[in-house]
């Protein structure tokens, strides 16, 4: 069944933005230093760097937690109580309440969910951080290394026993705050052998790879731009493709160098297949096509090289 949140009017968005400007400075100073989602001066790469630091320090037992339908199951009454702890202005509290009471469309019928915050709304990320703030401090006060981005978080521990204690703390807090941990996705893993996913990356041993779903989505984008029937000029194809490659690389630049080498080869192979088809030849680009259209040929057409960009990045960090 498809449920759609009623799209806020321009006026609603203006009010929510004004609320955000008032509330955010008040609550941000109370947030954990290792909460990275939807906060000024913080982002995914800061969270990923923190994970990297903790793994290098020997915290290889990871509580990989997954809150089931988090945004949809937040207790409105508990959330309002948390907001009221820092804000006493009744006008602001009433506006937040009205925001939480936004309706949902089920076909032609409108109804108001008993729990949750409207996803995609201006104010929702801040409210989501407010609700999880006490969990952050509970774990940190107990000495655990937490890294959280919105509702996606991991706890990195030096021993499996520590990880089990951390998970028990999370389970208790989640039950008390009327949330649910996903029964199969929440687990303790040894990062050296089993690996875990976080913010689009897969961490396993010394390897940093794109999460399989992230890689699949990226390849689908590349396939869209490199269909053999693409009739555009090669310069145009490379320009459009390079725009996508730059954006993807910017986020996944911390991956192992083999990821970029292999993707570069795969992308050039698809481009060679386009050129091969234009010469009325069947099949994928291979064999003599590598000599007919060498790597330098695509460089001349402006194709962005992932591996070269990664080499420059590594050299700059070492320098």
C-alpha atoms as a PDB file:
ATOM      1  CA  UNK A   1       0.000   0.000   0.000  1.00  0.00           C
ATOM      2  CA  UNK A   2       1.485   3.347  -1.041  1.00  0.00           C
ATOM      3  CA  UNK A   3       1.183   6.106   1.548  1.00  0.00           C
ATOM      4  CA  UNK A   4       2.156   9.661   0.649  1.00  0.00           C
ATOM      5  CA  UNK A   5       2.816  12.491   3.050  1.00  0.00           C
ATOM      6  CA  UNK A   6       0.845  15.551   2.052  1.00  0.00           C
ATOM      7  CA  UNK A   7       3.297  17.937   0.384  1.00  0.00           C
ATOM      8  CA  UNK A   8       3.756  21.050   2.553  1.00  0.00           C
ATOM      9  CA  UNK A   9       2.750  24.372   1.034  1.00  0.00           C
ATOM     10  CA  UNK A  10       5.322  27.115   0.494  1.00  0.00           C
ATOM     11  CA  UNK A  11       3.990  28.787   3.619  1.00  0.00           C
ATOM     12  CA  UNK A  12       4.507  25.598   5.651  1.00  0.00           C
ATOM     13  CA  UNK A  13       8.085  25.302   4.456  1.00  0.00           C
ATOM     14  CA  UNK A  14       8.796  28.923   5.346  1.00  0.00           C
ATOM     15  CA  UNK A  15       7.421  28.364   8.858  1.00  0.00           C
ATOM     16  CA  UNK A  16       9.411  25.134   9.275  1.00  0.00           C
ATOM     17  CA  UNK A  17      12.600  26.862   8.118  1.00  0.00           C
ATOM     18  CA  UNK A  18      12.019  29.663  10.616  1.00  0.00           C
ATOM     19  CA  UNK A  19      11.464  27.071  13.345  1.00  0.00           C
ATOM     20  CA  UNK A  20      14.679  25.318  12.356  1.00  0.00           C
ATOM     21  CA  UNK A  21      16.667  28.552  12.629  1.00  0.00           C
ATOM     22  CA  UNK A  22      15.299  29.094  16.128  1.00  0.00           C
ATOM     23  CA  UNK A  23      15.595  25.528  17.421  1.00  0.00           C
ATOM     24  CA  UNK A  24      18.801  24.279  15.832  1.00  0.00           C
ATOM     25  CA  UNK A  25      21.288  26.454  17.790  1.00  0.00           C
ATOM     26  CA  UNK A  26      19.513  25.567  21.040  1.00  0.00           C
ATOM     27  CA  UNK A  27      19.733  21.816  20.520  1.00  0.00           C
ATOM     28  CA  UNK A  28      22.959  21.500  18.560  1.00  0.00           C
ATOM     29  CA  UNK A  29      25.094  22.378  21.583  1.00  0.00           C
ATOM     30  CA  UNK A  30      23.530  19.440  23.436  1.00  0.00           C
ATOM     31  CA  UNK A  31      24.340  16.908  20.716  1.00  0.00           C
ATOM     32  CA  UNK A  32      27.162  14.393  20.883  1.00  0.00           C
ATOM     33  CA  UNK A  33      30.423  15.256  19.132  1.00  0.00           C
ATOM     34  CA  UNK A  34      30.083  11.994  17.199  1.00  0.00           C
ATOM     35  CA  UNK A  35      26.624  12.658  15.797  1.00  0.00           C
ATOM     36  CA  UNK A  36      27.277  13.715  12.216  1.00  0.00           C
ATOM     37  CA  UNK A  37      23.968  13.754  10.349  1.00  0.00           C
ATOM     38  CA  UNK A  38      22.280  17.025   9.312  1.00  0.00           C
ATOM     39  CA  UNK A  39      24.591  19.264  11.332  1.00  0.00           C
ATOM     40  CA  UNK A  40      26.553  22.312  10.177  1.00  0.00           C
ATOM     41  CA  UNK A  41      30.228  21.591   9.582  1.00  0.00           C
ATOM     42  CA  UNK A  42      29.712  17.825   9.740  1.00  0.00           C
ATOM     43  CA  UNK A  43      28.978  15.235   7.126  1.00  0.00           C
ATOM     44  CA  UNK A  44      29.336  11.667   5.931  1.00  0.00           C
ATOM     45  CA  UNK A  45      33.091  11.887   5.420  1.00  0.00           C
ATOM     46  CA  UNK A  46      33.655  13.047   9.000  1.00  0.00           C
ATOM     47  CA  UNK A  47      31.686  10.019  10.206  1.00  0.00           C
ATOM     48  CA  UNK A  48      33.618   7.700   7.895  1.00  0.00           C
ATOM     49  CA  UNK A  49      36.953   9.124   9.064  1.00  0.00           C
ATOM     50  CA  UNK A  50      35.916   8.489  12.668  1.00  0.00           C
ATOM     51  CA  UNK A  51      35.096   4.861  11.820  1.00  0.00           C
ATOM     52  CA  UNK A  52      38.482   4.528  10.144  1.00  0.00           C
ATOM     53  CA  UNK A  53      40.281   5.922  13.193  1.00  0.00           C
ATOM     54  CA  UNK A  54      38.487   3.590  15.574  1.00  0.00           C
ATOM     55  CA  UNK A  55      39.198   0.528  13.432  1.00  0.00           C
ATOM     56  CA  UNK A  56      42.884   1.431  13.197  1.00  0.00           C
ATOM     57  CA  UNK A  57      42.934   1.761  16.991  1.00  0.00           C
ATOM     58  CA  UNK A  58      41.845  -1.874  17.298  1.00  0.00           C
ATOM     59  CA  UNK A  59      38.099  -1.474  17.799  1.00  0.00           C
ATOM     60  CA  UNK A  60      37.263  -4.271  15.378  1.00  0.00           C
ATOM     61  CA  UNK A  61      34.113  -5.701  16.986  1.00  0.00           C
ATOM     62  CA  UNK A  62      31.258  -3.684  15.614  1.00  0.00           C
ATOM     63  CA  UNK A  63      27.649  -3.391  16.700  1.00  0.00           C
ATOM     64  CA  UNK A  64      25.949  -2.883  13.352  1.00  0.00           C
ATOM     65  CA  UNK A  65      22.538  -1.590  14.451  1.00  0.00           C
ATOM     66  CA  UNK A  66      19.465  -0.971  12.313  1.00  0.00           C
ATOM     67  CA  UNK A  67      16.424   0.892  13.636  1.00  0.00           C
ATOM     68  CA  UNK A  68      13.384  -0.491  11.854  1.00  0.00           C
ATOM     69  CA  UNK A  69      11.296   2.269  10.182  1.00  0.00           C
ATOM     70  CA  UNK A  70      12.835   4.836  12.504  1.00  0.00           C
ATOM     71  CA  UNK A  71      11.253   8.038  11.175  1.00  0.00           C
ATOM     72  CA  UNK A  72       7.821   6.391  11.059  1.00  0.00           C
ATOM     73  CA  UNK A  73       7.919   5.039  14.624  1.00  0.00           C
ATOM     74  CA  UNK A  74       9.169   7.989  16.683  1.00  0.00           C
ATOM     75  CA  UNK A  75       6.841   8.573  19.638  1.00  0.00           C
ATOM     76  CA  UNK A  76       5.310  12.016  19.183  1.00  0.00           C
ATOM     77  CA  UNK A  77       4.589  12.480  22.883  1.00  0.00           C
ATOM     78  CA  UNK A  78       8.145  11.534  23.900  1.00  0.00           C
ATOM     79  CA  UNK A  79       9.564  13.767  21.183  1.00  0.00           C
ATOM     80  CA  UNK A  80       7.476  16.736  22.312  1.00  0.00           C
ATOM     81  CA  UNK A  81       8.627  16.171  25.893  1.00  0.00           C
ATOM     82  CA  UNK A  82      12.265  16.296  24.711  1.00  0.00           C
ATOM     83  CA  UNK A  83      11.631  19.493  22.772  1.00  0.00           C
ATOM     84  CA  UNK A  84       9.922  21.042  25.794  1.00  0.00           C
ATOM     85  CA  UNK A  85      12.998  20.338  27.947  1.00  0.00           C
ATOM     86  CA  UNK A  86      14.880  23.045  26.026  1.00  0.00           C
ATOM     87  CA  UNK A  87      12.082  25.285  24.727  1.00  0.00           C
ATOM     88  CA  UNK A  88       9.411  26.891  26.890  1.00  0.00           C
ATOM     89  CA  UNK A  89       7.812  29.203  24.321  1.00  0.00           C
ATOM     90  CA  UNK A  90       4.300  27.834  23.845  1.00  0.00           C
ATOM     91  CA  UNK A  91       3.998  29.294  20.349  1.00  0.00           C
ATOM     92  CA  UNK A  92       7.015  27.322  19.140  1.00  0.00           C
ATOM     93  CA  UNK A  93       5.836  24.166  20.864  1.00  0.00           C
ATOM     94  CA  UNK A  94       2.418  24.520  19.252  1.00  0.00           C
ATOM     95  CA  UNK A  95       3.975  24.932  15.801  1.00  0.00           C
ATOM     96  CA  UNK A  96       6.067  21.777  16.308  1.00  0.00           C
ATOM     97  CA  UNK A  97       2.917  19.917  17.393  1.00  0.00           C
ATOM     98  CA  UNK A  98       1.060  21.089  14.296  1.00  0.00           C
ATOM     99  CA  UNK A  99       3.950  19.950  12.143  1.00  0.00           C
ATOM    100  CA  UNK A 100       3.852  16.471  13.718  1.00  0.00           C
ATOM    101  CA  UNK A 101       0.114  16.244  13.085  1.00  0.00           C
ATOM    102  CA  UNK A 102       0.472  16.565   9.309  1.00  0.00           C
ATOM    103  CA  UNK A 103      -1.783  14.162   7.459  1.00  0.00           C
ATOM    104  CA  UNK A 104      -0.949  11.267   5.157  1.00  0.00           C
ATOM    105  CA  UNK A 105      -2.782  10.364   1.966  1.00  0.00           C
ATOM    106  CA  UNK A 106      -3.980   6.765   1.534  1.00  0.00           C
ATOM    107  CA  UNK A 107      -5.492   6.909  -1.928  1.00  0.00           C
ATOM    108  CA  UNK A 108      -8.159   9.607  -1.597  1.00  0.00           C
ATOM    109  CA  UNK A 109      -8.364   9.301   2.198  1.00  0.00           C
ATOM    110  CA  UNK A 110      -6.396  11.535   4.545  1.00  0.00           C
ATOM    111  CA  UNK A 111      -5.386  10.362   8.017  1.00  0.00           C
ATOM    112  CA  UNK A 112      -2.909  11.285  10.733  1.00  0.00           C
ATOM    113  CA  UNK A 113      -0.380   8.648  11.907  1.00  0.00           C
ATOM    114  CA  UNK A 114      -0.071   8.152  15.649  1.00  0.00           C
ATOM    115  CA  UNK A 115       3.735   8.002  15.472  1.00  0.00           C
ATOM    116  CA  UNK A 116       6.564   9.339  13.343  1.00  0.00           C
ATOM    117  CA  UNK A 117       7.797  12.553  11.773  1.00  0.00           C
ATOM    118  CA  UNK A 118       7.078  13.426   8.118  1.00  0.00           C
ATOM    119  CA  UNK A 119      10.078  12.324   6.067  1.00  0.00           C
ATOM    120  CA  UNK A 120      11.563  14.873   3.681  1.00  0.00           C
ATOM    121  CA  UNK A 121      10.271  17.814   5.721  1.00  0.00           C
ATOM    122  CA  UNK A 122      12.586  20.658   6.703  1.00  0.00           C
ATOM    123  CA  UNK A 123      12.275  20.060  10.446  1.00  0.00           C
ATOM    124  CA  UNK A 124      12.399  16.242  10.507  1.00  0.00           C
ATOM    125  CA  UNK A 125      16.206  15.761  10.570  1.00  0.00           C
ATOM    126  CA  UNK A 126      16.581  17.991  13.628  1.00  0.00           C
ATOM    127  CA  UNK A 127      13.740  16.223  15.444  1.00  0.00           C
ATOM    128  CA  UNK A 128      15.256  12.836  14.573  1.00  0.00           C
ATOM    129  CA  UNK A 129      18.568  13.922  16.107  1.00  0.00           C
ATOM    130  CA  UNK A 130      16.796  15.220  19.218  1.00  0.00           C
ATOM    131  CA  UNK A 131      15.103  11.857  19.745  1.00  0.00           C
ATOM    132  CA  UNK A 132      18.354   9.862  19.503  1.00  0.00           C
ATOM    133  CA  UNK A 133      20.486  12.296  21.479  1.00  0.00           C
ATOM    134  CA  UNK A 134      20.031  10.517  24.804  1.00  0.00           C
ATOM    135  CA  UNK A 135      21.165   7.228  23.219  1.00  0.00           C
ATOM    136  CA  UNK A 136      24.356   8.926  22.014  1.00  0.00           C
ATOM    137  CA  UNK A 137      25.183  10.180  25.498  1.00  0.00           C
ATOM    138  CA  UNK A 138      24.183   6.914  27.181  1.00  0.00           C
ATOM    139  CA  UNK A 139      26.699   4.989  25.092  1.00  0.00           C
ATOM    140  CA  UNK A 140      29.449   7.575  25.347  1.00  0.00           C
ATOM    141  CA  UNK A 141      29.047   7.867  29.123  1.00  0.00           C
ATOM    142  CA  UNK A 142      29.457   4.077  29.258  1.00  0.00           C
ATOM    143  CA  UNK A 143      32.755   4.408  27.368  1.00  0.00           C
ATOM    144  CA  UNK A 144      31.643   3.127  23.948  1.00  0.00           C
ATOM    145  CA  UNK A 145      32.784   4.571  20.630  1.00  0.00           C
ATOM    146  CA  UNK A 146      29.619   5.496  18.764  1.00  0.00           C
ATOM    147  CA  UNK A 147      29.458   6.927  15.241  1.00  0.00           C
ATOM    148  CA  UNK A 148      25.995   8.037  14.172  1.00  0.00           C
ATOM    149  CA  UNK A 149      24.654   9.652  11.025  1.00  0.00           C
ATOM    150  CA  UNK A 150      20.888  10.224  11.417  1.00  0.00           C
ATOM    151  CA  UNK A 151      19.397   6.796  12.189  1.00  0.00           C
ATOM    152  CA  UNK A 152      22.413   4.900  10.819  1.00  0.00           C
ATOM    153  CA  UNK A 153      24.970   4.123  13.523  1.00  0.00           C
ATOM    154  CA  UNK A 154      27.728   1.722  14.509  1.00  0.00           C
ATOM    155  CA  UNK A 155      29.467   1.091  17.834  1.00  0.00           C
ATOM    156  CA  UNK A 156      33.118   0.022  17.617  1.00  0.00           C
ATOM    157  CA  UNK A 157      34.593  -2.024  20.459  1.00  0.00           C
ATOM    158  CA  UNK A 158      37.949  -3.711  21.212  1.00  0.00           C
ATOM    159  CA  UNK A 159      36.372  -7.029  22.299  1.00  0.00           C
ATOM    160  CA  UNK A 160      33.270  -9.053  21.489  1.00  0.00           C
ATOM    161  CA  UNK A 161      32.263  -8.884  25.166  1.00  0.00           C
ATOM    162  CA  UNK A 162      32.300  -5.082  25.018  1.00  0.00           C
ATOM    163  CA  UNK A 163      30.206  -5.196  21.850  1.00  0.00           C
ATOM    164  CA  UNK A 164      27.667  -7.447  23.567  1.00  0.00           C
ATOM    165  CA  UNK A 165      27.402  -5.018  26.479  1.00  0.00           C
ATOM    166  CA  UNK A 166      26.935  -2.112  24.069  1.00  0.00           C
ATOM    167  CA  UNK A 167      24.220  -3.961  22.173  1.00  0.00           C
ATOM    168  CA  UNK A 168      22.424  -4.726  25.443  1.00  0.00           C
ATOM    169  CA  UNK A 169      22.440  -1.024  26.289  1.00  0.00           C
ATOM    170  CA  UNK A 170      21.005  -0.193  22.867  1.00  0.00           C
ATOM    171  CA  UNK A 171      18.317  -2.855  23.177  1.00  0.00           C
ATOM    172  CA  UNK A 172      17.230  -1.505  26.548  1.00  0.00           C
ATOM    173  CA  UNK A 173      17.114   2.108  25.340  1.00  0.00           C
ATOM    174  CA  UNK A 174      15.239   1.181  22.170  1.00  0.00           C
ATOM    175  CA  UNK A 175      12.556  -0.717  24.093  1.00  0.00           C
ATOM    176  CA  UNK A 176      12.163   2.104  26.596  1.00  0.00           C
ATOM    177  CA  UNK A 177      11.771   4.669  23.807  1.00  0.00           C
ATOM    178  CA  UNK A 178       9.223   2.689  21.815  1.00  0.00           C
ATOM    179  CA  UNK A 179      11.460   1.936  18.837  1.00  0.00           C
ATOM    180  CA  UNK A 180      12.404  -1.391  17.252  1.00  0.00           C
ATOM    181  CA  UNK A 181      15.736  -2.902  16.211  1.00  0.00           C
ATOM    182  CA  UNK A 182      15.601  -4.878  12.992  1.00  0.00           C
ATOM    183  CA  UNK A 183      15.901  -8.523  14.144  1.00  0.00           C
ATOM    184  CA  UNK A 184      18.105  -9.738  11.283  1.00  0.00           C
ATOM    185  CA  UNK A 185      20.007  -6.592  10.306  1.00  0.00           C
ATOM    186  CA  UNK A 186      21.196  -5.772  13.822  1.00  0.00           C
ATOM    187  CA  UNK A 187      24.250  -7.855  14.696  1.00  0.00           C
ATOM    188  CA  UNK A 188      27.785  -7.933  16.076  1.00  0.00           C
ATOM    189  CA  UNK A 189      30.481  -8.461  13.457  1.00  0.00           C
ATOM    190  CA  UNK A 190      34.234  -8.871  13.401  1.00  0.00           C
ATOM    191  CA  UNK A 191      35.363  -6.173  10.971  1.00  0.00           C
ATOM    192  CA  UNK A 192      38.507  -8.125  10.141  1.00  0.00           C
ATOM    193  CA  UNK A 193      36.648 -11.072   8.644  1.00  0.00           C
ATOM    194  CA  UNK A 194      32.899 -10.458   8.308  1.00  0.00           C
ATOM    195  CA  UNK A 195      32.815  -6.772   7.471  1.00  0.00           C
ATOM    196  CA  UNK A 196      29.971  -4.275   7.766  1.00  0.00           C
ATOM    197  CA  UNK A 197      28.232  -1.575   5.727  1.00  0.00           C
ATOM    198  CA  UNK A 198      28.064   2.061   6.776  1.00  0.00           C
ATOM    199  CA  UNK A 199      27.019   5.137   4.771  1.00  0.00           C
ATOM    200  CA  UNK A 200      27.402   3.445   1.407  1.00  0.00           C
ATOM    201  CA  UNK A 201      30.796   1.874   2.177  1.00  0.00           C
ATOM    202  CA  UNK A 202      31.677  -1.723   3.008  1.00  0.00           C
ATOM    203  CA  UNK A 203      34.431  -2.141   5.624  1.00  0.00           C
ATOM    204  CA  UNK A 204      36.230  -5.485   5.792  1.00  0.00           C
ATOM    205  CA  UNK A 205      39.785  -5.924   7.049  1.00  0.00           C
ATOM    206  CA  UNK A 206      41.963  -3.356   5.301  1.00  0.00           C
ATOM    207  CA  UNK A 207      39.521  -3.054   2.409  1.00  0.00           C
ATOM    208  CA  UNK A 208      37.218  -0.100   1.880  1.00  0.00           C
ATOM    209  CA  UNK A 209      34.749  -0.855  -0.874  1.00  0.00           C
ATOM    210  CA  UNK A 210      31.470   0.570  -2.129  1.00  0.00           C
ATOM    211  CA  UNK A 211      28.530  -1.251  -0.607  1.00  0.00           C
ATOM    212  CA  UNK A 212      27.187  -3.686  -3.263  1.00  0.00           C
ATOM    213  CA  UNK A 213      23.923  -1.728  -3.614  1.00  0.00           C
ATOM    214  CA  UNK A 214      25.883   1.526  -4.020  1.00  0.00           C
ATOM    215  CA  UNK A 215      28.072  -0.015  -6.714  1.00  0.00           C
ATOM    216  CA  UNK A 216      25.078  -1.490  -8.519  1.00  0.00           C
ATOM    217  CA  UNK A 217      23.306   1.878  -8.555  1.00  0.00           C
ATOM    218  CA  UNK A 218      26.417   3.559  -9.923  1.00  0.00           C
ATOM    219  CA  UNK A 219      26.795   0.975 -12.676  1.00  0.00           C
ATOM    220  CA  UNK A 220      23.162   1.429 -13.667  1.00  0.00           C
ATOM    221  CA  UNK A 221      23.855   5.138 -14.137  1.00  0.00           C
ATOM    222  CA  UNK A 222      26.904   4.386 -16.286  1.00  0.00           C
ATOM    223  CA  UNK A 223      24.927   1.880 -18.374  1.00  0.00           C
ATOM    224  CA  UNK A 224      22.285   4.538 -19.012  1.00  0.00           C
ATOM    225  CA  UNK A 225      24.930   6.841 -20.516  1.00  0.00           C
ATOM    226  CA  UNK A 226      26.778   4.123 -22.453  1.00  0.00           C
ATOM    227  CA  UNK A 227      24.137   2.164 -24.343  1.00  0.00           C
ATOM    228  CA  UNK A 228      25.486   0.822 -27.623  1.00  0.00           C
ATOM    229  CA  UNK A 229      22.667   2.575 -29.433  1.00  0.00           C
ATOM    230  CA  UNK A 230      23.747   5.967 -28.050  1.00  0.00           C
ATOM    231  CA  UNK A 231      24.014   8.198 -31.107  1.00  0.00           C
ATOM    232  CA  UNK A 232      25.664  11.159 -29.429  1.00  0.00           C
ATOM    233  CA  UNK A 233      29.126  12.410 -30.249  1.00  0.00           C
ATOM    234  CA  UNK A 234      31.805  10.713 -28.107  1.00  0.00           C
ATOM    235  CA  UNK A 235      32.848  14.081 -26.648  1.00  0.00           C
ATOM    236  CA  UNK A 236      29.272  14.587 -25.466  1.00  0.00           C
ATOM    237  CA  UNK A 237      29.029  11.066 -24.033  1.00  0.00           C
ATOM    238  CA  UNK A 238      32.310  11.503 -22.147  1.00  0.00           C
ATOM    239  CA  UNK A 239      31.256  14.918 -20.833  1.00  0.00           C
ATOM    240  CA  UNK A 240      27.955  13.601 -19.452  1.00  0.00           C
ATOM    241  CA  UNK A 241      29.630  10.506 -18.078  1.00  0.00           C
ATOM    242  CA  UNK A 242      32.475  12.474 -16.480  1.00  0.00           C
ATOM    243  CA  UNK A 243      30.019  14.627 -14.558  1.00  0.00           C
ATOM    244  CA  UNK A 244      28.586  11.479 -12.961  1.00  0.00           C
ATOM    245  CA  UNK A 245      32.035   9.989 -12.340  1.00  0.00           C
ATOM    246  CA  UNK A 246      33.311  13.093 -10.533  1.00  0.00           C
ATOM    247  CA  UNK A 247      30.336  13.159  -8.185  1.00  0.00           C
ATOM    248  CA  UNK A 248      30.590   9.449  -7.427  1.00  0.00           C
ATOM    249  CA  UNK A 249      34.344   9.601  -6.897  1.00  0.00           C
ATOM    250  CA  UNK A 250      34.083  12.572  -4.530  1.00  0.00           C
ATOM    251  CA  UNK A 251      32.057  10.437  -2.147  1.00  0.00           C
ATOM    252  CA  UNK A 252      33.840   7.097  -2.618  1.00  0.00           C
ATOM    253  CA  UNK A 253      37.419   8.390  -2.855  1.00  0.00           C
ATOM    254  CA  UNK A 254      38.424   6.438   0.277  1.00  0.00           C
ATOM    255  CA  UNK A 255      37.887   3.065  -1.439  1.00  0.00           C
ATOM    256  CA  UNK A 256      40.710   0.686  -2.327  1.00  0.00           C
ATOM    257  CA  UNK A 257      42.543   1.669  -5.506  1.00  0.00           C
ATOM    258  CA  UNK A 258      41.529  -1.554  -7.302  1.00  0.00           C
ATOM    259  CA  UNK A 259      37.906  -0.380  -7.269  1.00  0.00           C
ATOM    260  CA  UNK A 260      38.805   2.594  -9.457  1.00  0.00           C
ATOM    261  CA  UNK A 261      41.131   0.652 -11.741  1.00  0.00           C
ATOM    262  CA  UNK A 262      38.488  -1.987 -12.408  1.00  0.00           C
ATOM    263  CA  UNK A 263      35.711   0.556 -12.971  1.00  0.00           C
ATOM    264  CA  UNK A 264      37.861   2.568 -15.380  1.00  0.00           C
ATOM    265  CA  UNK A 265      38.475  -0.560 -17.439  1.00  0.00           C
ATOM    266  CA  UNK A 266      34.784  -1.512 -17.415  1.00  0.00           C
ATOM    267  CA  UNK A 267      33.695   1.985 -18.484  1.00  0.00           C
ATOM    268  CA  UNK A 268      36.187   2.155 -21.339  1.00  0.00           C
ATOM    269  CA  UNK A 269      35.025  -1.284 -22.426  1.00  0.00           C
ATOM    270  CA  UNK A 270      31.461   0.009 -22.727  1.00  0.00           C
ATOM    271  CA  UNK A 271      32.645   3.005 -24.732  1.00  0.00           C
ATOM    272  CA  UNK A 272      34.615   0.726 -27.049  1.00  0.00           C
ATOM    273  CA  UNK A 273      31.439  -1.308 -27.559  1.00  0.00           C
ATOM    274  CA  UNK A 274      29.654   1.859 -28.723  1.00  0.00           C
ATOM    275  CA  UNK A 275      32.446   2.610 -31.174  1.00  0.00           C
ATOM    276  CA  UNK A 276      32.521  -1.008 -32.342  1.00  0.00           C
ATOM    277  CA  UNK A 277      28.801  -0.944 -33.095  1.00  0.00           C
ATOM    278  CA  UNK A 278      29.253   2.229 -35.130  1.00  0.00           C
ATOM    279  CA  UNK A 279      31.621   0.241 -37.329  1.00  0.00           C
ATOM    280  CA  UNK A 280      28.863  -2.332 -37.828  1.00  0.00           C
ATOM    281  CA  UNK A 281      30.598  -4.893 -35.645  1.00  0.00           C
ATOM    282  CA  UNK A 282      28.837  -7.109 -33.118  1.00  0.00           C
ATOM    283  CA  UNK A 283      29.669  -7.864 -29.503  1.00  0.00           C
ATOM    284  CA  UNK A 284      31.610  -6.037 -26.842  1.00  0.00           C
ATOM    285  CA  UNK A 285      34.788  -4.049 -27.307  1.00  0.00           C
ATOM    286  CA  UNK A 286      37.743  -6.393 -26.871  1.00  0.00           C
ATOM    287  CA  UNK A 287      41.021  -7.639 -28.372  1.00  0.00           C
ATOM    288  CA  UNK A 288      42.211  -5.343 -31.123  1.00  0.00           C
ATOM    289  CA  UNK A 289      39.722  -2.692 -30.004  1.00  0.00           C
ATOM    290  CA  UNK A 290      42.105  -1.836 -27.170  1.00  0.00           C
ATOM    291  CA  UNK A 291      44.765  -0.917 -29.746  1.00  0.00           C
ATOM    292  CA  UNK A 292      42.262   0.766 -32.063  1.00  0.00           C
ATOM    293  CA  UNK A 293      40.923   2.938 -29.236  1.00  0.00           C
ATOM    294  CA  UNK A 294      43.607   2.998 -26.488  1.00  0.00           C
ATOM    295  CA  UNK A 295      43.084   4.600 -23.088  1.00  0.00           C
ATOM    296  CA  UNK A 296      44.693   7.825 -24.324  1.00  0.00           C
ATOM    297  CA  UNK A 297      41.958   8.087 -26.976  1.00  0.00           C
ATOM    298  CA  UNK A 298      39.329   8.521 -24.266  1.00  0.00           C
ATOM    299  CA  UNK A 299      41.572  10.922 -22.354  1.00  0.00           C
ATOM    300  CA  UNK A 300      41.602  13.086 -25.478  1.00  0.00           C
ATOM    301  CA  UNK A 301      37.805  13.051 -25.435  1.00  0.00           C
ATOM    302  CA  UNK A 302      37.725  14.299 -21.853  1.00  0.00           C
ATOM    303  CA  UNK A 303      36.781  11.098 -20.023  1.00  0.00           C
ATOM    304  CA  UNK A 304      37.323  11.416 -16.274  1.00  0.00           C
ATOM    305  CA  UNK A 305      39.717   8.760 -14.932  1.00  0.00           C
ATOM    306  CA  UNK A 306      38.764   7.467 -11.511  1.00  0.00           C
ATOM    307  CA  UNK A 307      42.119   5.796 -10.889  1.00  0.00           C
ATOM    308  CA  UNK A 308      44.086   8.919 -11.815  1.00  0.00           C
ATOM    309  CA  UNK A 309      41.919  11.017  -9.497  1.00  0.00           C
ATOM    310  CA  UNK A 310      42.528   8.542  -6.680  1.00  0.00           C
ATOM    311  CA  UNK A 311      46.283   8.601  -7.274  1.00  0.00           C
ATOM    312  CA  UNK A 312      46.273  12.398  -6.990  1.00  0.00           C
ATOM    313  CA  UNK A 313      44.199  12.193  -3.811  1.00  0.00           C
ATOM    314  CA  UNK A 314      46.557   9.693  -2.164  1.00  0.00           C
ATOM    315  CA  UNK A 315      49.612  11.763  -3.124  1.00  0.00           C
ATOM    316  CA  UNK A 316      48.041  14.932  -1.699  1.00  0.00           C
ATOM    317  CA  UNK A 317      47.196  13.265   1.619  1.00  0.00           C
ATOM    318  CA  UNK A 318      50.669  11.806   1.950  1.00  0.00           C
ATOM    319  CA  UNK A 319      52.294  15.078   0.926  1.00  0.00           C
END
